[in-house]
């Protein structure tokens, strides 16, 4: 394929290191019976090796320049769609292309929409067997963090999937060279998306993280009709320190807390 200039507006940085591409495919474990969803194939550095390895690649690309280049190649095991992954209707595409069978996601995604893409993939009604993504190294650390270093993004990902940072990727592996280093992360979904539970849980988490340097009690007081005494009572019942901060809470703590706050709200409304 001819060399094309990256579009900053689409967050494009092209992966060029051949041995790195081989390593990504190797750690994915995909083979000739597998279907892969790829997001943003670009000039095909990852796509073409995948096409030689797997049964089928379903690719979603926003840049029309690359659609034309792929169409010239006429690969029989490539299904290519033009559009933004966030609004193209990926559920419909998966229904047509995967038909309820197992599939994997392997992609070097645009970094500026990492969080929305991760959330989209984890909320799919037909979840992938695994999600392997190239993301900023800092984001990979947040996605795979443990209690004590958790962020809103990390909680969102880990609530639905096992997360693991697989390996570091230097910025020099891309063209043009970005300002940040990258990493490969794997997410293995283990919990189906539930819209109501998700809404209930993350409305509490979002408020709790609004000021990370403040204690959980300080962030939650006044929210959801809670007094500081209400929050401290909840923390004491859970056996948590009154000075705990949001990033130190475990997933189990968040589930418990959101359920308890909902129960208090319902009790207050019934009076």
C-alpha atoms as a PDB file:
ATOM      1  CA  UNK A   1       0.000   0.000   0.000  1.00  0.00           C
ATOM      2  CA  UNK A   2       1.156   3.537  -0.711  1.00  0.00           C
ATOM      3  CA  UNK A   3       2.172   5.669   2.235  1.00  0.00           C
ATOM      4  CA  UNK A   4      -0.499   8.079   3.463  1.00  0.00           C
ATOM      5  CA  UNK A   5      -0.325  11.035   5.803  1.00  0.00           C
ATOM      6  CA  UNK A   6      -1.906  10.505   9.224  1.00  0.00           C
ATOM      7  CA  UNK A   7      -4.918  12.640  10.106  1.00  0.00           C
ATOM      8  CA  UNK A   8      -4.595  14.279  13.513  1.00  0.00           C
ATOM      9  CA  UNK A   9      -8.360  14.808  13.608  1.00  0.00           C
ATOM     10  CA  UNK A  10      -8.826  11.025  13.682  1.00  0.00           C
ATOM     11  CA  UNK A  11      -6.040  10.391  16.175  1.00  0.00           C
ATOM     12  CA  UNK A  12      -4.043   8.404  13.617  1.00  0.00           C
ATOM     13  CA  UNK A  13      -0.588   6.998  14.391  1.00  0.00           C
ATOM     14  CA  UNK A  14       0.369   4.045  12.237  1.00  0.00           C
ATOM     15  CA  UNK A  15       1.937   0.984  13.827  1.00  0.00           C
ATOM     16  CA  UNK A  16       4.962  -0.014  11.760  1.00  0.00           C
ATOM     17  CA  UNK A  17       7.061  -2.421  13.854  1.00  0.00           C
ATOM     18  CA  UNK A  18       6.612  -5.872  12.273  1.00  0.00           C
ATOM     19  CA  UNK A  19       7.861  -7.911  15.227  1.00  0.00           C
ATOM     20  CA  UNK A  20       5.480  -6.030  17.505  1.00  0.00           C
ATOM     21  CA  UNK A  21       2.537  -6.840  15.252  1.00  0.00           C
ATOM     22  CA  UNK A  22       3.517 -10.514  15.323  1.00  0.00           C
ATOM     23  CA  UNK A  23       3.677 -10.384  19.108  1.00  0.00           C
ATOM     24  CA  UNK A  24       0.184  -8.869  19.356  1.00  0.00           C
ATOM     25  CA  UNK A  25      -1.259 -11.663  17.230  1.00  0.00           C
ATOM     26  CA  UNK A  26       0.709 -14.267  19.160  1.00  0.00           C
ATOM     27  CA  UNK A  27      -0.546 -13.173  22.588  1.00  0.00           C
ATOM     28  CA  UNK A  28      -4.112 -13.084  21.259  1.00  0.00           C
ATOM     29  CA  UNK A  29      -3.939 -16.782  20.485  1.00  0.00           C
ATOM     30  CA  UNK A  30      -6.278 -16.430  17.480  1.00  0.00           C
ATOM     31  CA  UNK A  31      -6.198 -19.024  14.725  1.00  0.00           C
ATOM     32  CA  UNK A  32      -7.842 -20.198  11.527  1.00  0.00           C
ATOM     33  CA  UNK A  33     -11.247 -20.822  13.120  1.00  0.00           C
ATOM     34  CA  UNK A  34     -11.547 -17.346  14.655  1.00  0.00           C
ATOM     35  CA  UNK A  35     -13.315 -14.116  13.713  1.00  0.00           C
ATOM     36  CA  UNK A  36     -11.740 -10.788  14.688  1.00  0.00           C
ATOM     37  CA  UNK A  37     -13.298  -7.351  14.961  1.00  0.00           C
ATOM     38  CA  UNK A  38     -10.705  -4.669  14.234  1.00  0.00           C
ATOM     39  CA  UNK A  39     -11.276  -0.972  14.900  1.00  0.00           C
ATOM     40  CA  UNK A  40      -9.372   1.521  12.760  1.00  0.00           C
ATOM     41  CA  UNK A  41      -7.294  -0.771  10.528  1.00  0.00           C
ATOM     42  CA  UNK A  42      -5.585   2.196   8.854  1.00  0.00           C
ATOM     43  CA  UNK A  43      -3.153   0.968   6.217  1.00  0.00           C
ATOM     44  CA  UNK A  44      -3.519  -2.644   7.343  1.00  0.00           C
ATOM     45  CA  UNK A  45      -0.316  -3.241   9.334  1.00  0.00           C
ATOM     46  CA  UNK A  46      -2.276  -5.468  11.699  1.00  0.00           C
ATOM     47  CA  UNK A  47      -5.118  -6.345   9.336  1.00  0.00           C
ATOM     48  CA  UNK A  48      -3.136  -8.135   6.644  1.00  0.00           C
ATOM     49  CA  UNK A  49      -1.277 -10.474   9.026  1.00  0.00           C
ATOM     50  CA  UNK A  50      -4.616 -11.227  10.707  1.00  0.00           C
ATOM     51  CA  UNK A  51      -6.209 -12.049   7.353  1.00  0.00           C
ATOM     52  CA  UNK A  52      -3.491 -14.668   6.819  1.00  0.00           C
ATOM     53  CA  UNK A  53      -4.127 -16.134  10.264  1.00  0.00           C
ATOM     54  CA  UNK A  54      -7.868 -16.112  10.988  1.00  0.00           C
ATOM     55  CA  UNK A  55     -11.111 -17.128   9.328  1.00  0.00           C
ATOM     56  CA  UNK A  56     -12.491 -13.609   9.068  1.00  0.00           C
ATOM     57  CA  UNK A  57     -11.721  -9.975   9.930  1.00  0.00           C
ATOM     58  CA  UNK A  58     -14.564  -7.507  10.394  1.00  0.00           C
ATOM     59  CA  UNK A  59     -13.007  -4.032  10.225  1.00  0.00           C
ATOM     60  CA  UNK A  60     -14.519  -0.614  10.950  1.00  0.00           C
ATOM     61  CA  UNK A  61     -12.595   2.340   9.501  1.00  0.00           C
ATOM     62  CA  UNK A  62     -13.586   6.024   9.643  1.00  0.00           C
ATOM     63  CA  UNK A  63     -11.126   7.242   6.982  1.00  0.00           C
ATOM     64  CA  UNK A  64     -12.466   6.792   3.440  1.00  0.00           C
ATOM     65  CA  UNK A  65      -8.909   6.810   2.016  1.00  0.00           C
ATOM     66  CA  UNK A  66      -8.208   3.418   3.552  1.00  0.00           C
ATOM     67  CA  UNK A  67     -11.560   1.989   2.501  1.00  0.00           C
ATOM     68  CA  UNK A  68     -10.533   2.558  -1.122  1.00  0.00           C
ATOM     69  CA  UNK A  69      -7.123   0.945  -0.611  1.00  0.00           C
ATOM     70  CA  UNK A  70      -8.582  -2.145   1.057  1.00  0.00           C
ATOM     71  CA  UNK A  71     -11.196  -2.518  -1.659  1.00  0.00           C
ATOM     72  CA  UNK A  72      -8.409  -2.719  -4.236  1.00  0.00           C
ATOM     73  CA  UNK A  73      -7.009  -5.805  -2.494  1.00  0.00           C
ATOM     74  CA  UNK A  74     -10.301  -7.744  -2.580  1.00  0.00           C
ATOM     75  CA  UNK A  75      -9.665 -10.073   0.371  1.00  0.00           C
ATOM     76  CA  UNK A  76     -12.408 -12.674   0.551  1.00  0.00           C
ATOM     77  CA  UNK A  77     -12.223 -12.993   4.356  1.00  0.00           C
ATOM     78  CA  UNK A  78     -12.424  -9.234   5.045  1.00  0.00           C
ATOM     79  CA  UNK A  79     -15.699  -7.426   5.763  1.00  0.00           C
ATOM     80  CA  UNK A  80     -15.026  -3.686   5.776  1.00  0.00           C
ATOM     81  CA  UNK A  81     -17.329  -0.958   7.070  1.00  0.00           C
ATOM     82  CA  UNK A  82     -16.788   2.779   6.869  1.00  0.00           C
ATOM     83  CA  UNK A  83     -17.768   4.870   9.859  1.00  0.00           C
ATOM     84  CA  UNK A  84     -17.037   5.833  13.443  1.00  0.00           C
ATOM     85  CA  UNK A  85     -17.133   2.776  15.722  1.00  0.00           C
ATOM     86  CA  UNK A  86     -19.137   4.763  18.296  1.00  0.00           C
ATOM     87  CA  UNK A  87     -22.085   5.512  16.027  1.00  0.00           C
ATOM     88  CA  UNK A  88     -21.939   3.028  13.151  1.00  0.00           C
ATOM     89  CA  UNK A  89     -24.289   0.548  14.822  1.00  0.00           C
ATOM     90  CA  UNK A  90     -21.787  -2.146  15.770  1.00  0.00           C
ATOM     91  CA  UNK A  91     -24.486  -4.379  17.300  1.00  0.00           C
ATOM     92  CA  UNK A  92     -26.148  -4.659  13.896  1.00  0.00           C
ATOM     93  CA  UNK A  93     -22.836  -5.365  12.172  1.00  0.00           C
ATOM     94  CA  UNK A  94     -21.923  -8.100  14.647  1.00  0.00           C
ATOM     95  CA  UNK A  95     -25.333  -9.690  14.260  1.00  0.00           C
ATOM     96  CA  UNK A  96     -24.833  -9.847  10.500  1.00  0.00           C
ATOM     97  CA  UNK A  97     -21.160 -10.868  10.460  1.00  0.00           C
ATOM     98  CA  UNK A  98     -20.708 -13.015  13.574  1.00  0.00           C
ATOM     99  CA  UNK A  99     -24.212 -14.478  13.860  1.00  0.00           C
ATOM    100  CA  UNK A 100     -23.926 -15.279  17.550  1.00  0.00           C
ATOM    101  CA  UNK A 101     -20.608 -17.096  17.277  1.00  0.00           C
ATOM    102  CA  UNK A 102     -17.471 -16.407  19.296  1.00  0.00           C
ATOM    103  CA  UNK A 103     -15.283 -13.492  18.200  1.00  0.00           C
ATOM    104  CA  UNK A 104     -12.267 -11.474  19.368  1.00  0.00           C
ATOM    105  CA  UNK A 105     -11.474  -7.755  19.281  1.00  0.00           C
ATOM    106  CA  UNK A 106      -7.908  -6.785  18.349  1.00  0.00           C
ATOM    107  CA  UNK A 107      -7.234  -3.131  17.594  1.00  0.00           C
ATOM    108  CA  UNK A 108      -4.948  -0.132  17.727  1.00  0.00           C
ATOM    109  CA  UNK A 109      -7.636   2.373  18.640  1.00  0.00           C
ATOM    110  CA  UNK A 110      -7.707   6.190  18.438  1.00  0.00           C
ATOM    111  CA  UNK A 111      -6.459   7.229  21.862  1.00  0.00           C
ATOM    112  CA  UNK A 112      -8.707  10.269  22.208  1.00  0.00           C
ATOM    113  CA  UNK A 113     -11.804   8.030  22.356  1.00  0.00           C
ATOM    114  CA  UNK A 114     -10.348   5.132  24.356  1.00  0.00           C
ATOM    115  CA  UNK A 115     -12.838   5.320  27.226  1.00  0.00           C
ATOM    116  CA  UNK A 116     -15.967   5.463  25.007  1.00  0.00           C
ATOM    117  CA  UNK A 117     -14.670   2.548  22.898  1.00  0.00           C
ATOM    118  CA  UNK A 118     -13.925   0.398  25.950  1.00  0.00           C
ATOM    119  CA  UNK A 119     -17.338   1.163  27.373  1.00  0.00           C
ATOM    120  CA  UNK A 120     -19.032   0.376  24.049  1.00  0.00           C
ATOM    121  CA  UNK A 121     -17.284  -2.985  23.716  1.00  0.00           C
ATOM    122  CA  UNK A 122     -18.080  -4.019  27.276  1.00  0.00           C
ATOM    123  CA  UNK A 123     -21.740  -3.063  26.916  1.00  0.00           C
ATOM    124  CA  UNK A 124     -22.351  -5.124  23.767  1.00  0.00           C
ATOM    125  CA  UNK A 125     -25.185  -7.625  24.097  1.00  0.00           C
ATOM    126  CA  UNK A 126     -22.940 -10.187  22.364  1.00  0.00           C
ATOM    127  CA  UNK A 127     -19.671  -9.700  24.184  1.00  0.00           C
ATOM    128  CA  UNK A 128     -16.324 -10.708  22.620  1.00  0.00           C
ATOM    129  CA  UNK A 129     -14.275 -13.572  24.040  1.00  0.00           C
ATOM    130  CA  UNK A 130     -11.420 -11.131  24.586  1.00  0.00           C
ATOM    131  CA  UNK A 131     -10.532  -7.523  23.802  1.00  0.00           C
ATOM    132  CA  UNK A 132      -6.913  -6.725  22.992  1.00  0.00           C
ATOM    133  CA  UNK A 133      -6.232  -3.030  22.557  1.00  0.00           C
ATOM    134  CA  UNK A 134      -3.293  -0.734  21.974  1.00  0.00           C
ATOM    135  CA  UNK A 135      -3.779   2.204  24.340  1.00  0.00           C
ATOM    136  CA  UNK A 136      -1.644   4.873  25.987  1.00  0.00           C
ATOM    137  CA  UNK A 137       0.643   3.322  28.589  1.00  0.00           C
ATOM    138  CA  UNK A 138      -0.812   5.590  31.268  1.00  0.00           C
ATOM    139  CA  UNK A 139      -4.320   4.437  30.354  1.00  0.00           C
ATOM    140  CA  UNK A 140      -3.236   0.779  30.442  1.00  0.00           C
ATOM    141  CA  UNK A 141      -2.043   1.347  33.998  1.00  0.00           C
ATOM    142  CA  UNK A 142      -5.380   2.872  34.939  1.00  0.00           C
ATOM    143  CA  UNK A 143      -7.359   0.082  33.314  1.00  0.00           C
ATOM    144  CA  UNK A 144      -5.433  -2.605  35.189  1.00  0.00           C
ATOM    145  CA  UNK A 145      -4.935  -0.783  38.513  1.00  0.00           C
ATOM    146  CA  UNK A 146      -5.641  -2.342  41.905  1.00  0.00           C
ATOM    147  CA  UNK A 147      -7.616  -0.788  44.796  1.00  0.00           C
ATOM    148  CA  UNK A 148      -5.576   2.130  46.036  1.00  0.00           C
ATOM    149  CA  UNK A 149      -4.912   3.326  42.502  1.00  0.00           C
ATOM    150  CA  UNK A 150      -8.311   2.822  40.900  1.00  0.00           C
ATOM    151  CA  UNK A 151      -9.896   5.475  38.708  1.00  0.00           C
ATOM    152  CA  UNK A 152     -13.369   5.850  37.245  1.00  0.00           C
ATOM    153  CA  UNK A 153     -12.089   4.252  34.016  1.00  0.00           C
ATOM    154  CA  UNK A 154     -10.506   1.338  35.878  1.00  0.00           C
ATOM    155  CA  UNK A 155     -13.663   0.620  37.849  1.00  0.00           C
ATOM    156  CA  UNK A 156     -15.784   0.760  34.705  1.00  0.00           C
ATOM    157  CA  UNK A 157     -13.542  -1.736  32.910  1.00  0.00           C
ATOM    158  CA  UNK A 158     -12.955  -4.088  35.828  1.00  0.00           C
ATOM    159  CA  UNK A 159     -16.636  -4.199  36.775  1.00  0.00           C
ATOM    160  CA  UNK A 160     -17.277  -6.037  33.496  1.00  0.00           C
ATOM    161  CA  UNK A 161     -13.960  -7.656  32.600  1.00  0.00           C
ATOM    162  CA  UNK A 162     -10.722  -9.106  33.851  1.00  0.00           C
ATOM    163  CA  UNK A 163      -8.027  -6.629  32.828  1.00  0.00           C
ATOM    164  CA  UNK A 164      -4.332  -7.206  32.274  1.00  0.00           C
ATOM    165  CA  UNK A 165      -1.551  -5.057  30.875  1.00  0.00           C
ATOM    166  CA  UNK A 166       0.354  -7.413  28.572  1.00  0.00           C
ATOM    167  CA  UNK A 167       3.376  -5.401  27.476  1.00  0.00           C
ATOM    168  CA  UNK A 168       4.834  -1.941  26.924  1.00  0.00           C
ATOM    169  CA  UNK A 169       5.117  -0.392  23.433  1.00  0.00           C
ATOM    170  CA  UNK A 170       7.584   2.483  22.829  1.00  0.00           C
ATOM    171  CA  UNK A 171       6.320   5.501  20.919  1.00  0.00           C
ATOM    172  CA  UNK A 172       9.037   4.938  18.296  1.00  0.00           C
ATOM    173  CA  UNK A 173       7.047   1.944  16.984  1.00  0.00           C
ATOM    174  CA  UNK A 174       4.604   4.388  15.353  1.00  0.00           C
ATOM    175  CA  UNK A 175       4.636   6.827  12.468  1.00  0.00           C
ATOM    176  CA  UNK A 176       4.322   9.692  13.038  1.00  0.00           C
ATOM    177  CA  UNK A 177       5.942   9.253  16.458  1.00  0.00           C
ATOM    178  CA  UNK A 178       3.396  10.281  19.116  1.00  0.00           C
ATOM    179  CA  UNK A 179       4.211  12.143  22.317  1.00  0.00           C
ATOM    180  CA  UNK A 180       3.328   9.199  24.582  1.00  0.00           C
ATOM    181  CA  UNK A 181       4.318   5.551  24.967  1.00  0.00           C
ATOM    182  CA  UNK A 182       1.732   2.833  24.553  1.00  0.00           C
ATOM    183  CA  UNK A 183       0.867  -0.608  25.869  1.00  0.00           C
ATOM    184  CA  UNK A 184      -1.152  -3.646  24.940  1.00  0.00           C
ATOM    185  CA  UNK A 185      -3.986  -4.481  27.300  1.00  0.00           C
ATOM    186  CA  UNK A 186      -6.304  -7.482  27.398  1.00  0.00           C
ATOM    187  CA  UNK A 187      -9.852  -7.411  28.727  1.00  0.00           C
ATOM    188  CA  UNK A 188     -11.822 -10.636  29.153  1.00  0.00           C
ATOM    189  CA  UNK A 189     -15.520  -9.894  29.730  1.00  0.00           C
ATOM    190  CA  UNK A 190     -17.068 -11.916  32.541  1.00  0.00           C
ATOM    191  CA  UNK A 191     -20.249  -9.991  33.337  1.00  0.00           C
ATOM    192  CA  UNK A 192     -23.085  -9.073  30.999  1.00  0.00           C
ATOM    193  CA  UNK A 193     -23.990  -5.399  30.772  1.00  0.00           C
ATOM    194  CA  UNK A 194     -27.085  -4.451  32.782  1.00  0.00           C
ATOM    195  CA  UNK A 195     -28.253  -0.923  31.989  1.00  0.00           C
ATOM    196  CA  UNK A 196     -30.095  -0.373  35.280  1.00  0.00           C
ATOM    197  CA  UNK A 197     -27.358  -1.783  37.517  1.00  0.00           C
ATOM    198  CA  UNK A 198     -24.763   0.182  35.528  1.00  0.00           C
ATOM    199  CA  UNK A 199     -26.702   3.427  35.920  1.00  0.00           C
ATOM    200  CA  UNK A 200     -27.186   2.849  39.652  1.00  0.00           C
ATOM    201  CA  UNK A 201     -23.555   1.981  40.313  1.00  0.00           C
ATOM    202  CA  UNK A 202     -21.795   4.603  38.238  1.00  0.00           C
ATOM    203  CA  UNK A 203     -23.923   7.545  39.324  1.00  0.00           C
ATOM    204  CA  UNK A 204     -22.436   6.919  42.789  1.00  0.00           C
ATOM    205  CA  UNK A 205     -18.902   6.296  41.499  1.00  0.00           C
ATOM    206  CA  UNK A 206     -18.898   9.467  39.389  1.00  0.00           C
ATOM    207  CA  UNK A 207     -19.879  11.634  42.352  1.00  0.00           C
ATOM    208  CA  UNK A 208     -17.321   9.907  44.583  1.00  0.00           C
ATOM    209  CA  UNK A 209     -14.503  10.693  42.118  1.00  0.00           C
ATOM    210  CA  UNK A 210     -15.417  14.324  41.526  1.00  0.00           C
ATOM    211  CA  UNK A 211     -12.530  15.456  43.779  1.00  0.00           C
ATOM    212  CA  UNK A 212      -9.956  12.670  44.160  1.00  0.00           C
ATOM    213  CA  UNK A 213      -8.050  14.389  46.961  1.00  0.00           C
ATOM    214  CA  UNK A 214     -11.142  14.588  49.129  1.00  0.00           C
ATOM    215  CA  UNK A 215     -12.355  11.698  51.247  1.00  0.00           C
ATOM    216  CA  UNK A 216     -15.282   9.615  50.063  1.00  0.00           C
ATOM    217  CA  UNK A 217     -17.397  11.026  52.881  1.00  0.00           C
ATOM    218  CA  UNK A 218     -16.708  14.601  51.784  1.00  0.00           C
ATOM    219  CA  UNK A 219     -17.550  13.860  48.159  1.00  0.00           C
ATOM    220  CA  UNK A 220     -20.776  12.019  48.923  1.00  0.00           C
ATOM    221  CA  UNK A 221     -22.207  14.274  51.615  1.00  0.00           C
ATOM    222  CA  UNK A 222     -25.132  16.212  50.215  1.00  0.00           C
ATOM    223  CA  UNK A 223     -25.457  13.844  47.240  1.00  0.00           C
ATOM    224  CA  UNK A 224     -28.436  11.477  46.950  1.00  0.00           C
ATOM    225  CA  UNK A 225     -29.941  13.099  50.046  1.00  0.00           C
ATOM    226  CA  UNK A 226     -27.088  11.849  52.240  1.00  0.00           C
ATOM    227  CA  UNK A 227     -25.765  13.691  55.263  1.00  0.00           C
ATOM    228  CA  UNK A 228     -22.171  13.250  56.364  1.00  0.00           C
ATOM    229  CA  UNK A 229     -23.485  11.124  59.230  1.00  0.00           C
ATOM    230  CA  UNK A 230     -25.291   8.870  56.724  1.00  0.00           C
ATOM    231  CA  UNK A 231     -22.092   8.325  54.748  1.00  0.00           C
ATOM    232  CA  UNK A 232     -19.990   7.655  57.834  1.00  0.00           C
ATOM    233  CA  UNK A 233     -22.606   5.179  59.086  1.00  0.00           C
ATOM    234  CA  UNK A 234     -22.459   3.316  55.762  1.00  0.00           C
ATOM    235  CA  UNK A 235     -18.654   3.189  55.822  1.00  0.00           C
ATOM    236  CA  UNK A 236     -18.648   1.925  59.401  1.00  0.00           C
ATOM    237  CA  UNK A 237     -21.124  -0.825  58.555  1.00  0.00           C
ATOM    238  CA  UNK A 238     -18.880  -1.919  55.713  1.00  0.00           C
ATOM    239  CA  UNK A 239     -15.802  -1.806  57.972  1.00  0.00           C
ATOM    240  CA  UNK A 240     -14.164   0.950  55.937  1.00  0.00           C
ATOM    241  CA  UNK A 241     -12.109   3.840  57.251  1.00  0.00           C
ATOM    242  CA  UNK A 242     -13.967   7.129  57.580  1.00  0.00           C
ATOM    243  CA  UNK A 243     -11.012   8.744  55.775  1.00  0.00           C
ATOM    244  CA  UNK A 244     -11.062   6.364  52.795  1.00  0.00           C
ATOM    245  CA  UNK A 245     -10.795   7.899  49.332  1.00  0.00           C
ATOM    246  CA  UNK A 246     -12.651   6.693  46.243  1.00  0.00           C
ATOM    247  CA  UNK A 247      -9.560   5.190  44.591  1.00  0.00           C
ATOM    248  CA  UNK A 248      -9.049   2.809  47.544  1.00  0.00           C
ATOM    249  CA  UNK A 249     -12.489   1.184  47.288  1.00  0.00           C
ATOM    250  CA  UNK A 250     -12.815  -2.309  45.806  1.00  0.00           C
ATOM    251  CA  UNK A 251     -15.411  -3.307  43.192  1.00  0.00           C
ATOM    252  CA  UNK A 252     -17.285  -5.221  45.877  1.00  0.00           C
ATOM    253  CA  UNK A 253     -17.321  -2.091  48.056  1.00  0.00           C
ATOM    254  CA  UNK A 254     -18.810  -0.047  45.224  1.00  0.00           C
ATOM    255  CA  UNK A 255     -21.535  -2.594  44.521  1.00  0.00           C
ATOM    256  CA  UNK A 256     -22.469  -2.724  48.194  1.00  0.00           C
ATOM    257  CA  UNK A 257     -22.413   1.049  48.616  1.00  0.00           C
ATOM    258  CA  UNK A 258     -24.543   1.779  45.554  1.00  0.00           C
ATOM    259  CA  UNK A 259     -27.134  -0.806  46.640  1.00  0.00           C
ATOM    260  CA  UNK A 260     -27.257   0.667  50.145  1.00  0.00           C
ATOM    261  CA  UNK A 261     -27.657   4.221  48.850  1.00  0.00           C
ATOM    262  CA  UNK A 262     -30.491   3.087  46.575  1.00  0.00           C
ATOM    263  CA  UNK A 263     -32.185   1.397  49.550  1.00  0.00           C
ATOM    264  CA  UNK A 264     -31.899   4.599  51.606  1.00  0.00           C
ATOM    265  CA  UNK A 265     -33.370   6.648  48.760  1.00  0.00           C
ATOM    266  CA  UNK A 266     -36.336   4.277  48.417  1.00  0.00           C
ATOM    267  CA  UNK A 267     -36.870   4.350  52.189  1.00  0.00           C
ATOM    268  CA  UNK A 268     -36.882   8.152  52.182  1.00  0.00           C
ATOM    269  CA  UNK A 269     -39.363   8.301  49.296  1.00  0.00           C
ATOM    270  CA  UNK A 270     -41.739   5.891  51.039  1.00  0.00           C
ATOM    271  CA  UNK A 271     -42.084   8.147  54.093  1.00  0.00           C
END
